[in-house]
């Protein structure tokens, strides 16, 4: 199986694209860089893990992706609180990151 076939990679890819589009016009480059990098890190770590040869390496990268999802979720709370994104958008994005975390945990457990 290739990483592109994984539902969790597809979900994380869509989340990353949504974050990039939402933050495209923001001038707070530090925050913008951090939140987009944590979003991108989720799908990137899934992809990298699935190209590894050992199960241990694969699982480690799934844990990295899960941690990046939590990092993104934390940054979304800040983005909502400082009015960078609407509460509605933030809640939808947080829900997606929680779904991704659960999917990753399922893969780790399998």
Protein backbone atom coordinates (compact mmCIF):
# COMPACT_ATOMS: atom_id res chain seq x y z
CA UNK A 1 0.00 0.00 0.00
CA UNK A 2 1.21 3.49 -0.80
CA UNK A 3 0.69 6.39 1.58
CA UNK A 4 -1.55 8.16 -0.96
CA UNK A 5 -4.06 5.32 -0.54
CA UNK A 6 -4.43 5.88 3.21
CA UNK A 7 -7.61 7.63 4.35
CA UNK A 8 -5.63 9.32 7.14
CA UNK A 9 -3.12 10.76 4.67
CA UNK A 10 -5.96 12.07 2.48
CA UNK A 11 -7.67 13.65 5.51
CA UNK A 12 -4.42 15.26 6.67
CA UNK A 13 -3.69 16.51 3.15
CA UNK A 14 -7.12 18.20 3.00
CA UNK A 15 -6.53 19.72 6.44
CA UNK A 16 -3.16 21.09 5.35
CA UNK A 17 -4.63 22.65 2.21
CA UNK A 18 -7.41 24.24 4.28
CA UNK A 19 -4.89 25.72 6.74
CA UNK A 20 -2.72 27.09 3.92
CA UNK A 21 -5.71 28.69 2.20
CA UNK A 22 -7.04 30.15 5.43
CA UNK A 23 -3.67 31.66 6.37
CA UNK A 24 -2.66 32.78 2.86
CA UNK A 25 -3.12 36.51 3.42
CA UNK A 26 -1.96 36.80 7.03
CA UNK A 27 1.00 39.06 7.70
CA UNK A 28 1.97 37.51 11.02
CA UNK A 29 4.63 35.46 9.30
CA UNK A 30 5.89 33.78 12.48
CA UNK A 31 2.49 32.41 13.41
CA UNK A 32 1.60 31.65 9.81
CA UNK A 33 4.85 29.73 9.34
CA UNK A 34 4.39 27.74 12.55
CA UNK A 35 0.76 26.72 11.97
CA UNK A 36 1.30 25.78 8.33
CA UNK A 37 4.44 23.81 9.18
CA UNK A 38 2.69 21.82 11.89
CA UNK A 39 -0.20 21.06 9.51
CA UNK A 40 2.18 20.03 6.73
CA UNK A 41 4.15 17.88 9.16
CA UNK A 42 1.17 15.57 9.71
CA UNK A 43 0.84 14.30 6.14
CA UNK A 44 4.61 14.46 5.60
CA UNK A 45 5.33 12.20 8.56
CA UNK A 46 2.67 9.73 7.44
CA UNK A 47 4.26 9.62 3.99
CA UNK A 48 7.77 9.27 5.38
CA UNK A 49 6.69 6.51 7.75
CA UNK A 50 5.10 4.50 4.99
CA UNK A 51 8.32 4.60 2.98
CA UNK A 52 10.32 3.18 5.90
CA UNK A 53 11.25 -0.50 5.90
CA UNK A 54 10.84 -1.43 9.53
CA UNK A 55 7.55 -1.50 11.42
CA UNK A 56 9.25 0.31 14.32
CA UNK A 57 10.25 3.23 12.06
CA UNK A 58 6.78 3.34 10.51
CA UNK A 59 5.14 3.50 13.94
CA UNK A 60 7.56 6.20 15.13
CA UNK A 61 6.61 8.42 12.21
CA UNK A 62 2.91 7.82 12.87
CA UNK A 63 3.54 9.02 16.43
CA UNK A 64 5.32 12.11 15.04
CA UNK A 65 2.29 12.79 12.83
CA UNK A 66 -0.03 12.37 15.82
CA UNK A 67 2.09 14.81 17.85
CA UNK A 68 1.99 17.32 14.98
CA UNK A 69 -1.79 17.02 14.95
CA UNK A 70 -1.87 17.95 18.64
CA UNK A 71 0.52 20.84 18.00
CA UNK A 72 -1.75 22.11 15.24
CA UNK A 73 -4.79 21.82 17.49
CA UNK A 74 -3.05 23.90 20.16
CA UNK A 75 -2.23 26.58 17.58
CA UNK A 76 -5.83 26.60 16.39
CA UNK A 77 -6.96 27.52 19.91
CA UNK A 78 -4.62 30.50 19.77
CA UNK A 79 -5.76 31.45 16.26
CA UNK A 80 -9.37 31.50 17.44
CA UNK A 81 -8.59 33.43 20.62
CA UNK A 82 -6.68 36.16 18.79
CA UNK A 83 -9.33 36.35 16.04
CA UNK A 84 -7.10 35.11 13.23
CA UNK A 85 -9.77 32.58 12.33
CA UNK A 86 -13.45 32.36 13.15
CA UNK A 87 -14.62 30.07 15.93
CA UNK A 88 -16.63 28.10 13.34
CA UNK A 89 -13.60 27.52 11.09
CA UNK A 90 -11.41 26.74 14.07
CA UNK A 91 -13.83 24.17 15.45
CA UNK A 92 -14.09 22.45 12.07
CA UNK A 93 -10.31 22.32 11.73
CA UNK A 94 -9.88 21.08 15.32
CA UNK A 95 -12.45 18.34 14.66
CA UNK A 96 -10.48 17.27 11.62
CA UNK A 97 -7.24 17.13 13.62
CA UNK A 98 -8.93 15.03 16.31
CA UNK A 99 -10.26 12.66 13.65
CA UNK A 100 -6.75 12.36 12.21
CA UNK A 101 -5.28 11.64 15.66
CA UNK A 102 -7.81 8.85 16.20
CA UNK A 103 -7.12 7.40 12.76
CA UNK A 104 -3.38 7.47 13.45
CA UNK A 105 -3.87 5.75 16.80
CA UNK A 106 -5.83 3.06 15.01
CA UNK A 107 -2.96 2.49 12.58
CA UNK A 108 -0.44 2.45 15.42
CA UNK A 109 -2.50 -0.13 17.29
CA UNK A 110 -2.92 -2.32 14.20
